[in-house]
Amino acid sequence: MGCVSAVPQPRTDAHPAADPDREPAARGGGGRRTVAAALLLGTLGATVVLLASGRTWARGTTAAAGGGALPLAADGRAVTGVPAALAIVALAALVAVFAVRGRSRLLVSGLLALSGLGAVLAALAGAGDRAALDEAAARTTADTAAHAAALTHTSWPYVTAAGALLILLAGLLALRFGRSWPAMGGRYERDGSPRPRKAAVLDPDRPEDLWKALDRGEDPTTGH
């Protein structure tokens, strides 16, 4: 009987080996997406907060001295200036995230997230505020005992809170992915060490090169 030998078949893996050249590209693409998302969310959120803070948050009336009622209105900055101030802080922190690295970037990212969170809480706290209208009633009537009546509140405090929430999301993205983001102007940074000076190539047939070498204190006969 003849012997039959099995021919070994090439092994095929169910899961192909990962391509190492694709992994950095994938990470780079994901990094660019998170950078773009954080910039968009932070900038849009701060813009919304600043614009919505200037809108009318509350309306009311107060009794006039001769009878009747005087209309009152208070914008967001009169109710609370915290959201607008924190939006400016958030814009500065958003720029600073790309100007620093390491632990400093982590701290700035935390400041960005906290700015958004603080603006959210301040806007929601001012949504039902009446102190600003009471102060407007006192100024309008020159009577410190005057109070606002028939209060109505608009939706602008909630729009402000929504913009602040976008800032918070930008800060959370920076905290999660900021370590892999590039630094602004990093490719142009120097370490302070002097750069090596290239030796000039001297052409013995050009007398001007010899004179330039002598002016630099070099010996043209040795090339140094």
Protein backbone atom coordinates (compact mmCIF):
# COMPACT_ATOMS: atom_id res chain seq x y z
CA MET A 1 0.00 0.00 0.00
CA GLY A 2 1.27 3.43 -0.77
CA CYS A 3 1.63 6.07 1.87
CA VAL A 4 -0.42 9.17 1.43
CA SER A 5 1.07 12.27 2.99
CA ALA A 6 -1.12 15.24 3.79
CA VAL A 7 -0.05 18.46 2.22
CA PRO A 8 -0.05 21.20 4.89
CA GLN A 9 -2.51 23.93 4.09
CA PRO A 10 -1.71 27.56 4.77
CA ARG A 11 -3.35 28.75 7.94
CA THR A 12 -5.91 31.43 7.61
CA ASP A 13 -6.78 33.46 10.67
CA ALA A 14 -10.37 34.42 11.26
CA HIS A 15 -9.25 37.89 12.26
CA PRO A 16 -6.64 39.52 10.05
CA ALA A 17 -3.70 41.14 11.75
CA ALA A 18 -4.11 44.79 12.40
CA ASP A 19 -2.26 47.06 10.05
CA PRO A 20 0.08 49.21 12.15
CA ASP A 21 0.08 51.90 9.47
CA ARG A 22 -3.69 52.30 9.74
CA GLU A 23 -3.83 52.71 13.52
CA PRO A 24 -2.02 56.08 13.70
CA ALA A 25 -4.14 57.33 10.80
CA ALA A 26 -7.31 56.23 12.59
CA ARG A 27 -6.19 57.89 15.79
CA GLY A 28 -5.28 61.05 13.88
CA GLY A 29 -8.68 61.14 12.18
CA GLY A 30 -10.46 60.66 15.50
CA GLY A 31 -8.31 63.38 17.06
CA ARG A 32 -9.19 65.84 14.32
CA ARG A 33 -12.88 65.06 14.71
CA THR A 34 -12.84 65.65 18.47
CA VAL A 35 -10.85 68.87 18.05
CA ALA A 36 -13.36 70.15 15.51
CA ALA A 37 -16.28 69.10 17.69
CA ALA A 38 -14.85 70.81 20.78
CA LEU A 39 -14.11 74.03 18.87
CA LEU A 40 -17.56 74.07 17.33
CA LEU A 41 -19.39 73.32 20.58
CA GLY A 42 -17.35 75.76 22.66
CA THR A 43 -17.55 78.64 20.19
CA LEU A 44 -21.23 78.12 19.41
CA GLY A 45 -22.11 77.72 23.08
CA ALA A 46 -20.29 80.88 24.16
CA THR A 47 -21.90 82.85 21.33
CA VAL A 48 -25.37 81.65 22.30
CA VAL A 49 -24.78 82.51 25.96
CA LEU A 50 -23.54 86.02 25.16
CA LEU A 51 -26.41 86.76 22.79
CA ALA A 52 -29.15 85.22 24.95
CA SER A 53 -27.88 87.02 28.06
CA GLY A 54 -28.65 90.32 26.37
CA ARG A 55 -32.27 89.41 25.69
CA THR A 56 -35.27 90.13 27.91
CA TRP A 57 -35.62 87.48 30.60
CA ALA A 58 -38.52 88.93 32.60
CA ARG A 59 -41.32 91.47 32.20
CA GLY A 60 -43.72 93.04 34.66
CA THR A 61 -45.45 96.23 35.73
CA THR A 62 -45.35 98.56 38.67
CA ALA A 63 -47.85 101.11 39.99
CA ALA A 64 -47.25 104.67 38.84
CA ALA A 65 -47.49 107.61 41.25
CA GLY A 66 -50.48 109.14 39.45
CA GLY A 67 -52.20 105.83 38.88
CA GLY A 68 -51.89 103.29 36.17
CA ALA A 69 -49.09 100.83 35.60
CA LEU A 70 -45.58 101.25 34.24
CA PRO A 71 -44.07 98.44 32.14
CA LEU A 72 -40.84 96.88 33.37
CA ALA A 73 -38.32 94.63 31.66
CA ALA A 74 -35.04 93.03 32.71
CA ASP A 75 -32.49 91.41 30.44
CA GLY A 76 -30.25 88.52 31.38
CA ARG A 77 -27.31 90.66 32.45
CA ALA A 78 -29.56 92.58 34.82
CA VAL A 79 -30.79 89.31 36.33
CA THR A 80 -27.35 87.72 36.59
CA GLY A 81 -24.07 88.56 34.90
CA VAL A 82 -22.56 85.15 35.68
CA PRO A 83 -23.38 83.32 32.40
CA ALA A 84 -21.94 86.06 30.19
CA ALA A 85 -18.80 86.33 32.32
CA LEU A 86 -18.28 82.57 32.28
CA ALA A 87 -18.81 82.48 28.51
CA ILE A 88 -15.87 84.89 28.11
CA VAL A 89 -13.79 82.71 30.44
CA ALA A 90 -14.77 79.67 28.36
CA LEU A 91 -13.62 81.32 25.12
CA ALA A 92 -10.25 82.12 26.69
CA ALA A 93 -9.94 78.58 28.03
CA LEU A 94 -10.88 77.13 24.62
CA VAL A 95 -7.96 78.97 23.02
CA ALA A 96 -5.61 78.14 25.89
CA VAL A 97 -6.33 74.41 25.54
CA PHE A 98 -4.31 74.40 22.31
CA ALA A 99 -1.54 76.63 23.68
CA VAL A 100 -0.52 74.35 26.56
CA ARG A 101 0.31 70.69 27.02
CA GLY A 102 0.36 67.99 29.65
CA ARG A 103 -1.06 68.76 33.06
CA SER A 104 -1.68 72.39 32.16
CA ARG A 105 -3.98 71.27 29.35
CA LEU A 106 -5.88 69.10 31.81
CA LEU A 107 -6.37 72.06 34.15
CA VAL A 108 -7.51 74.38 31.36
CA SER A 109 -9.92 71.71 30.10
CA GLY A 110 -11.36 71.45 33.60
CA LEU A 111 -11.78 75.23 33.70
CA LEU A 112 -13.64 75.06 30.38
CA ALA A 113 -16.01 72.39 31.66
CA LEU A 114 -16.58 74.22 34.96
CA SER A 115 -17.35 77.44 33.09
CA GLY A 116 -20.08 75.67 31.16
CA LEU A 117 -21.48 74.02 34.27
CA GLY A 118 -21.50 77.29 36.23
CA ALA A 119 -23.23 79.11 33.38
CA VAL A 120 -25.90 76.40 33.18
CA LEU A 121 -26.66 76.63 36.91
CA ALA A 122 -26.66 80.43 36.92
CA ALA A 123 -29.03 80.63 33.94
CA LEU A 124 -31.47 78.15 35.46
CA ALA A 125 -31.33 79.94 38.81
CA GLY A 126 -32.20 83.24 37.13
CA ALA A 127 -35.09 81.84 35.11
CA GLY A 128 -37.63 82.65 37.85
CA ASP A 129 -35.84 85.62 39.42
CA ARG A 130 -37.86 88.74 40.32
CA ALA A 131 -35.19 90.78 42.13
CA ALA A 132 -34.12 92.54 38.92
CA LEU A 133 -37.67 93.69 38.22
CA ASP A 134 -38.13 94.88 41.80
CA GLU A 135 -34.97 96.97 41.45
CA ALA A 136 -36.26 98.34 38.14
CA ALA A 137 -39.55 99.25 39.83
CA ALA A 138 -37.70 101.09 42.60
CA ARG A 139 -35.62 103.05 40.08
CA THR A 140 -38.58 103.86 37.86
CA THR A 141 -40.82 105.16 40.64
CA ALA A 142 -38.07 106.49 42.91
CA ASP A 143 -39.73 104.51 45.66
CA THR A 144 -37.65 101.88 47.42
CA ALA A 145 -40.82 100.12 48.55
CA ALA A 146 -42.11 99.63 44.99
CA HIS A 147 -42.38 96.09 43.70
CA ALA A 148 -43.00 94.51 40.35
CA ALA A 149 -46.34 92.88 39.60
CA ALA A 150 -47.76 90.75 36.80
CA LEU A 151 -44.42 89.01 36.28
CA THR A 152 -43.82 86.95 33.16
CA HIS A 153 -40.63 85.14 32.23
CA THR A 154 -39.37 84.42 28.74
CA SER A 155 -37.55 81.37 27.41
CA TRP A 156 -34.21 83.15 27.02
CA PRO A 157 -32.80 81.85 30.34
CA TYR A 158 -33.26 78.32 29.02
CA VAL A 159 -31.65 79.23 25.71
CA THR A 160 -28.72 80.56 27.73
CA ALA A 161 -28.57 77.31 29.69
CA ALA A 162 -28.57 75.32 26.42
CA GLY A 163 -25.62 77.34 25.13
CA ALA A 164 -23.80 76.81 28.42
CA LEU A 165 -24.43 73.09 28.09
CA LEU A 166 -22.57 73.15 24.76
CA ILE A 167 -19.62 74.73 26.56
CA LEU A 168 -19.77 71.98 29.16
CA LEU A 169 -19.70 69.33 26.43
CA ALA A 170 -16.68 71.00 24.84
CA GLY A 171 -14.91 70.89 28.19
CA LEU A 172 -15.74 67.21 28.65
CA LEU A 173 -14.35 66.45 25.19
CA ALA A 174 -11.15 68.30 26.08
CA LEU A 175 -10.84 66.35 29.33
CA ARG A 176 -11.37 63.03 27.55
CA PHE A 177 -9.39 63.49 24.33
CA GLY A 178 -7.27 66.60 24.94
CA ARG A 179 -4.05 64.70 25.59
CA SER A 180 -3.91 63.57 21.96
CA TRP A 181 -4.67 67.01 20.50
CA PRO A 182 -1.86 68.98 18.85
CA ALA A 183 -0.44 72.08 20.47
CA MET A 184 -0.69 75.43 18.72
CA GLY A 185 2.58 76.27 16.97
CA GLY A 186 4.29 73.15 18.29
CA ARG A 187 6.22 72.53 15.12
CA TYR A 188 7.91 75.91 15.45
CA GLU A 189 9.03 75.52 19.06
CA ARG A 190 12.76 75.57 19.86
CA ASP A 191 14.54 73.97 22.76
CA GLY A 192 16.90 76.91 23.18
CA SER A 193 20.00 75.01 22.07
CA PRO A 194 22.14 76.73 19.42
CA ARG A 195 21.81 75.36 15.96
CA PRO A 196 24.95 73.95 14.32
CA ARG A 197 26.44 76.36 11.85
CA LYS A 198 26.99 75.03 8.40
CA ALA A 199 30.44 75.55 7.02
CA ALA A 200 30.44 77.67 3.90
CA VAL A 201 31.64 75.92 0.76
CA LEU A 202 34.57 77.89 -0.64
CA ASP A 203 35.26 78.07 -4.33
CA PRO A 204 39.01 78.76 -4.80
CA ASP A 205 38.26 80.18 -8.25
CA ARG A 206 36.07 82.91 -6.72
CA PRO A 207 38.14 85.55 -4.89
CA GLU A 208 35.01 87.03 -3.25
CA ASP A 209 34.47 83.74 -1.37
CA LEU A 210 38.01 83.90 -0.01
CA TRP A 211 37.53 87.48 1.17
CA LYS A 212 34.22 86.57 2.88
CA ALA A 213 35.94 83.70 4.68
CA LEU A 214 38.67 86.05 5.91
CA ASP A 215 35.98 88.49 7.14
CA ARG A 216 34.40 85.64 9.17
CA GLY A 217 37.75 84.80 10.73
CA GLU A 218 38.15 81.55 8.81
CA ASP A 219 41.26 80.20 7.17
CA PRO A 220 40.39 79.63 3.52
CA THR A 221 43.41 77.42 2.99
CA THR A 222 42.16 74.80 5.48
CA GLY A 223 38.42 75.14 4.96
CA HIS A 224 37.89 76.14 8.70
